[in-house]
Amino acid sequence: MKDRIEFTQALSILLINMIFMGERPIVDYVKRHDATQKMLFDQGLSKCDGVNKVSRHQRGMAADIYFVDGSRLVDPKMGHEYWHKRWEDMGGQPMIEWDCGHYEG
């Protein structure tokens, strides 16, 4: 995906498809400030330090998608692999095994 507009359009289509298929997605961390990225790196929650290795979140080209049942987080009904395959078909990056909620353009 070449820019934030294209990423936003693809993400919107993916979310609509998720909802249509009975999933209950929530979106988190689409755009991160440098300080937030550094904090997540320091906590061991990201492999990008925000300076030497910039996260796609800092550029607004990644989003974290989680799924809920009531008030608890659950795996998607269709499976993480299913949704990442759909994302790849739309031009997105492949699933990161240790961060399956991460969708990157």
N, C-alpha and C. Protein backbone atom coordinates (compact mmCIF):
# COMPACT_ATOMS: atom_id res chain seq x y z
N MET A 1 0.84 -1.18 0.00
CA MET A 1 0.00 0.00 0.00
C MET A 1 0.89 1.23 0.00
N LYS A 2 0.53 2.18 -0.82
CA LYS A 2 1.43 3.30 -1.05
C LYS A 2 1.28 4.45 -0.04
N ASP A 3 0.11 4.61 0.59
CA ASP A 3 -0.06 5.74 1.49
C ASP A 3 -1.17 5.46 2.52
N ARG A 4 -1.37 6.43 3.40
CA ARG A 4 -2.36 6.27 4.47
C ARG A 4 -3.78 6.20 3.94
N ILE A 5 -4.06 6.88 2.84
CA ILE A 5 -5.41 6.82 2.27
C ILE A 5 -5.71 5.40 1.81
N GLU A 6 -4.79 4.82 1.05
CA GLU A 6 -4.98 3.45 0.57
C GLU A 6 -5.07 2.47 1.74
N PHE A 7 -4.22 2.66 2.74
CA PHE A 7 -4.26 1.80 3.93
C PHE A 7 -5.62 1.92 4.63
N THR A 8 -6.10 3.14 4.82
CA THR A 8 -7.38 3.37 5.50
C THR A 8 -8.53 2.73 4.74
N GLN A 9 -8.52 2.85 3.43
CA GLN A 9 -9.58 2.25 2.62
C GLN A 9 -9.57 0.73 2.75
N ALA A 10 -8.39 0.12 2.65
CA ALA A 10 -8.28 -1.33 2.76
C ALA A 10 -8.68 -1.81 4.16
N LEU A 11 -8.24 -1.09 5.18
CA LEU A 11 -8.59 -1.47 6.55
C LEU A 11 -10.10 -1.39 6.76
N SER A 12 -10.72 -0.36 6.21
CA SER A 12 -12.18 -0.20 6.34
C SER A 12 -12.91 -1.36 5.68
N ILE A 13 -12.47 -1.75 4.50
CA ILE A 13 -13.08 -2.88 3.79
C ILE A 13 -12.90 -4.17 4.60
N LEU A 14 -11.70 -4.37 5.14
CA LEU A 14 -11.44 -5.56 5.95
C LEU A 14 -12.37 -5.60 7.17
N LEU A 15 -12.50 -4.48 7.86
CA LEU A 15 -13.36 -4.43 9.05
C LEU A 15 -14.82 -4.69 8.69
N ILE A 16 -15.29 -4.14 7.58
CA ILE A 16 -16.67 -4.39 7.15
C ILE A 16 -16.86 -5.87 6.86
N ASN A 17 -15.88 -6.50 6.21
CA ASN A 17 -15.97 -7.94 5.94
C ASN A 17 -15.98 -8.74 7.23
N MET A 18 -15.16 -8.35 8.19
CA MET A 18 -15.14 -9.03 9.49
C MET A 18 -16.52 -8.97 10.15
N ILE A 19 -17.09 -7.78 10.17
CA ILE A 19 -18.41 -7.60 10.79
C ILE A 19 -19.46 -8.40 10.04
N PHE A 20 -19.42 -8.36 8.71
CA PHE A 20 -20.37 -9.11 7.89
C PHE A 20 -20.30 -10.61 8.18
N MET A 21 -19.09 -11.10 8.48
CA MET A 21 -18.89 -12.53 8.75
C MET A 21 -19.14 -12.89 10.22
N GLY A 22 -19.67 -11.94 11.00
CA GLY A 22 -20.06 -12.25 12.37
C GLY A 22 -18.98 -11.99 13.41
N GLU A 23 -17.87 -11.41 13.00
CA GLU A 23 -16.81 -11.07 13.96
C GLU A 23 -17.17 -9.77 14.69
N ARG A 24 -16.53 -9.55 15.83
CA ARG A 24 -16.71 -8.31 16.58
C ARG A 24 -15.34 -7.68 16.79
N PRO A 25 -14.80 -7.02 15.74
CA PRO A 25 -13.46 -6.44 15.83
C PRO A 25 -13.46 -5.10 16.56
N ILE A 26 -12.35 -4.83 17.24
CA ILE A 26 -12.08 -3.50 17.76
C ILE A 26 -10.70 -3.10 17.26
N VAL A 27 -10.53 -1.82 16.99
CA VAL A 27 -9.28 -1.31 16.44
C VAL A 27 -8.52 -0.56 17.52
N ASP A 28 -7.21 -0.79 17.56
CA ASP A 28 -6.37 -0.15 18.56
C ASP A 28 -5.06 0.26 17.88
N TYR A 29 -4.42 1.27 18.41
CA TYR A 29 -3.08 1.69 17.97
C TYR A 29 -2.93 1.81 16.46
N VAL A 30 -3.64 2.74 15.87
CA VAL A 30 -3.44 2.97 14.44
C VAL A 30 -2.26 3.91 14.23
N LYS A 31 -2.21 5.00 14.94
CA LYS A 31 -1.13 5.99 14.80
C LYS A 31 -0.49 6.19 16.16
N ARG A 32 0.81 5.99 16.23
CA ARG A 32 1.54 6.13 17.48
C ARG A 32 2.51 7.30 17.42
N HIS A 33 2.60 8.02 18.52
CA HIS A 33 3.62 9.04 18.67
C HIS A 33 4.95 8.34 18.97
N ASP A 34 6.03 9.01 18.69
CA ASP A 34 7.37 8.46 18.92
C ASP A 34 7.56 8.02 20.36
N ALA A 35 7.09 8.83 21.32
CA ALA A 35 7.26 8.51 22.75
C ALA A 35 6.51 7.23 23.13
N THR A 36 5.32 7.06 22.56
CA THR A 36 4.55 5.84 22.83
C THR A 36 5.27 4.63 22.26
N GLN A 37 5.82 4.76 21.06
CA GLN A 37 6.55 3.66 20.45
C GLN A 37 7.75 3.27 21.30
N LYS A 38 8.48 4.27 21.79
CA LYS A 38 9.65 4.01 22.64
C LYS A 38 9.23 3.31 23.93
N MET A 39 8.12 3.74 24.53
CA MET A 39 7.63 3.12 25.75
C MET A 39 7.29 1.64 25.51
N LEU A 40 6.62 1.34 24.40
CA LEU A 40 6.27 -0.05 24.09
C LEU A 40 7.52 -0.88 23.85
N PHE A 41 8.51 -0.29 23.19
CA PHE A 41 9.78 -0.98 22.97
C PHE A 41 10.46 -1.27 24.31
N ASP A 42 10.51 -0.27 25.19
CA ASP A 42 11.14 -0.44 26.50
C ASP A 42 10.44 -1.50 27.34
N GLN A 43 9.15 -1.67 27.14
CA GLN A 43 8.37 -2.68 27.87
C GLN A 43 8.45 -4.06 27.22
N GLY A 44 9.16 -4.15 26.10
CA GLY A 44 9.29 -5.42 25.40
C GLY A 44 8.07 -5.79 24.57
N LEU A 45 7.20 -4.83 24.28
CA LEU A 45 5.98 -5.09 23.54
C LEU A 45 6.09 -4.77 22.05
N SER A 46 7.25 -4.26 21.64
CA SER A 46 7.50 -3.99 20.23
C SER A 46 8.98 -4.21 19.95
N LYS A 47 9.28 -4.58 18.73
CA LYS A 47 10.68 -4.75 18.31
C LYS A 47 11.21 -3.49 17.63
N CYS A 48 10.37 -2.46 17.54
CA CYS A 48 10.76 -1.18 16.94
C CYS A 48 10.95 -0.15 18.05
N ASP A 49 12.13 0.46 18.08
CA ASP A 49 12.41 1.44 19.13
C ASP A 49 11.87 2.83 18.81
N GLY A 50 11.39 3.03 17.61
CA GLY A 50 10.80 4.30 17.23
C GLY A 50 11.80 5.32 16.70
N VAL A 51 13.09 5.00 16.78
CA VAL A 51 14.14 5.92 16.30
C VAL A 51 14.98 5.22 15.24
N ASN A 52 15.70 4.19 15.66
CA ASN A 52 16.54 3.43 14.73
C ASN A 52 15.71 2.50 13.86
N LYS A 53 14.66 1.96 14.44
CA LYS A 53 13.72 1.11 13.70
C LYS A 53 12.33 1.68 13.94
N VAL A 54 11.82 2.38 12.94
CA VAL A 54 10.53 3.07 13.04
C VAL A 54 9.40 2.09 12.74
N SER A 55 8.38 2.12 13.57
CA SER A 55 7.21 1.27 13.39
C SER A 55 6.29 1.84 12.31
N ARG A 56 5.60 0.96 11.61
CA ARG A 56 4.61 1.40 10.63
C ARG A 56 3.46 2.13 11.34
N HIS A 57 3.26 1.85 12.63
CA HIS A 57 2.25 2.59 13.41
C HIS A 57 2.61 4.07 13.47
N GLN A 58 3.88 4.39 13.56
CA GLN A 58 4.30 5.79 13.63
C GLN A 58 3.96 6.53 12.34
N ARG A 59 3.88 5.80 11.26
CA ARG A 59 3.55 6.39 9.95
C ARG A 59 2.05 6.30 9.64
N GLY A 60 1.27 5.70 10.55
CA GLY A 60 -0.16 5.53 10.31
C GLY A 60 -0.46 4.47 9.29
N MET A 61 0.45 3.49 9.16
CA MET A 61 0.30 2.44 8.16
C MET A 61 0.16 1.06 8.79
N ALA A 62 -0.29 1.02 10.05
CA ALA A 62 -0.54 -0.25 10.73
C ALA A 62 -1.65 -0.04 11.75
N ALA A 63 -2.36 -1.11 12.02
CA ALA A 63 -3.40 -1.08 13.04
C ALA A 63 -3.41 -2.41 13.75
N ASP A 64 -3.78 -2.38 15.02
CA ASP A 64 -3.97 -3.61 15.77
C ASP A 64 -5.47 -3.87 15.83
N ILE A 65 -5.87 -5.07 15.46
CA ILE A 65 -7.28 -5.46 15.48
C ILE A 65 -7.43 -6.61 16.46
N TYR A 66 -8.33 -6.42 17.41
CA TYR A 66 -8.64 -7.45 18.40
C TYR A 66 -10.11 -7.81 18.24
N PHE A 67 -10.49 -8.92 18.83
CA PHE A 67 -11.86 -9.40 18.71
C PHE A 67 -12.42 -9.60 20.11
N VAL A 68 -13.69 -9.27 20.27
CA VAL A 68 -14.32 -9.34 21.60
C VAL A 68 -15.55 -10.22 21.60
N ASP A 69 -15.80 -10.76 22.77
CA ASP A 69 -17.05 -11.45 23.08
C ASP A 69 -17.47 -10.87 24.41
N GLY A 70 -18.48 -10.00 24.38
CA GLY A 70 -18.84 -9.27 25.59
C GLY A 70 -17.72 -8.31 25.92
N SER A 71 -17.13 -8.49 27.09
CA SER A 71 -16.05 -7.59 27.51
C SER A 71 -14.68 -8.27 27.50
N ARG A 72 -14.61 -9.48 26.94
CA ARG A 72 -13.31 -10.17 26.93
C ARG A 72 -12.78 -10.35 25.52
N LEU A 73 -11.45 -10.34 25.42
CA LEU A 73 -10.80 -10.57 24.14
C LEU A 73 -10.84 -12.04 23.80
N VAL A 74 -11.09 -12.35 22.55
CA VAL A 74 -11.17 -13.73 22.07
C VAL A 74 -10.45 -13.83 20.73
N ASP A 75 -10.19 -15.05 20.29
CA ASP A 75 -9.69 -15.27 18.94
C ASP A 75 -10.85 -15.07 17.96
N PRO A 76 -10.56 -14.62 16.74
CA PRO A 76 -11.64 -14.45 15.77
C PRO A 76 -12.27 -15.80 15.41
N LYS A 77 -13.55 -15.78 15.15
CA LYS A 77 -14.28 -17.01 14.80
C LYS A 77 -13.67 -17.69 13.57
N MET A 78 -13.26 -16.88 12.61
CA MET A 78 -12.70 -17.42 11.37
C MET A 78 -11.21 -17.73 11.50
N GLY A 79 -10.59 -17.30 12.59
CA GLY A 79 -9.16 -17.55 12.81
C GLY A 79 -8.30 -16.40 12.32
N HIS A 80 -7.19 -16.18 13.00
CA HIS A 80 -6.27 -15.11 12.62
C HIS A 80 -5.70 -15.32 11.22
N GLU A 81 -5.38 -16.57 10.88
CA GLU A 81 -4.80 -16.86 9.58
C GLU A 81 -5.76 -16.48 8.46
N TYR A 82 -7.05 -16.76 8.66
CA TYR A 82 -8.06 -16.43 7.65
C TYR A 82 -8.05 -14.94 7.36
N TRP A 83 -8.10 -14.12 8.42
CA TRP A 83 -8.19 -12.68 8.22
C TRP A 83 -6.89 -12.10 7.67
N HIS A 84 -5.77 -12.66 8.05
CA HIS A 84 -4.51 -12.17 7.49
C HIS A 84 -4.38 -12.56 6.01
N LYS A 85 -4.91 -13.69 5.63
CA LYS A 85 -4.90 -14.08 4.22
C LYS A 85 -5.75 -13.10 3.42
N ARG A 86 -6.91 -12.72 3.96
CA ARG A 86 -7.75 -11.71 3.29
C ARG A 86 -6.98 -10.39 3.17
N TRP A 87 -6.27 -10.00 4.24
CA TRP A 87 -5.49 -8.78 4.27
C TRP A 87 -4.39 -8.82 3.20
N GLU A 88 -3.70 -9.94 3.12
CA GLU A 88 -2.65 -10.09 2.09
C GLU A 88 -3.25 -9.98 0.69
N ASP A 89 -4.43 -10.57 0.48
CA ASP A 89 -5.10 -10.48 -0.82
C ASP A 89 -5.41 -9.03 -1.19
N MET A 90 -5.53 -8.17 -0.19
CA MET A 90 -5.83 -6.75 -0.40
C MET A 90 -4.55 -5.92 -0.52
N GLY A 91 -3.39 -6.57 -0.45
CA GLY A 91 -2.12 -5.85 -0.58
C GLY A 91 -1.40 -5.61 0.72
N GLY A 92 -1.95 -6.12 1.84
CA GLY A 92 -1.32 -5.96 3.14
C GLY A 92 -0.17 -6.93 3.36
N GLN A 93 0.57 -6.70 4.41
CA GLN A 93 1.71 -7.54 4.76
C GLN A 93 1.26 -8.83 5.45
N PRO A 94 2.07 -9.88 5.38
CA PRO A 94 1.72 -11.15 6.03
C PRO A 94 1.66 -11.01 7.56
N MET A 95 1.00 -11.98 8.18
CA MET A 95 0.85 -12.02 9.63
C MET A 95 2.20 -12.21 10.30
N ILE A 96 2.41 -11.51 11.39
CA ILE A 96 3.57 -11.70 12.25
C ILE A 96 3.14 -12.71 13.31
N GLU A 97 3.78 -13.85 13.35
CA GLU A 97 3.35 -14.95 14.22
C GLU A 97 3.18 -14.54 15.68
N TRP A 98 4.09 -13.73 16.20
CA TRP A 98 4.02 -13.36 17.62
C TRP A 98 3.11 -12.17 17.87
N ASP A 99 2.54 -11.58 16.81
CA ASP A 99 1.67 -10.40 16.94
C ASP A 99 0.52 -10.52 15.95
N CYS A 100 -0.33 -11.52 16.14
CA CYS A 100 -1.36 -11.84 15.14
C CYS A 100 -2.46 -10.78 15.04
N GLY A 101 -2.53 -9.84 15.97
CA GLY A 101 -3.51 -8.76 15.88
C GLY A 101 -3.02 -7.58 15.06
N HIS A 102 -1.78 -7.63 14.60
CA HIS A 102 -1.16 -6.53 13.88
C HIS A 102 -1.41 -6.65 12.38
N TYR A 103 -1.98 -5.60 11.82
CA TYR A 103 -2.25 -5.54 10.38
C TYR A 103 -1.48 -4.36 9.81
N GLU A 104 -0.58 -4.64 8.90
CA GLU A 104 0.33 -3.63 8.38
C GLU A 104 0.15 -3.48 6.88
N GLY A 105 0.14 -2.21 6.43
CA GLY A 105 0.00 -1.93 5.02
C GLY A 105 1.32 -1.87 4.30
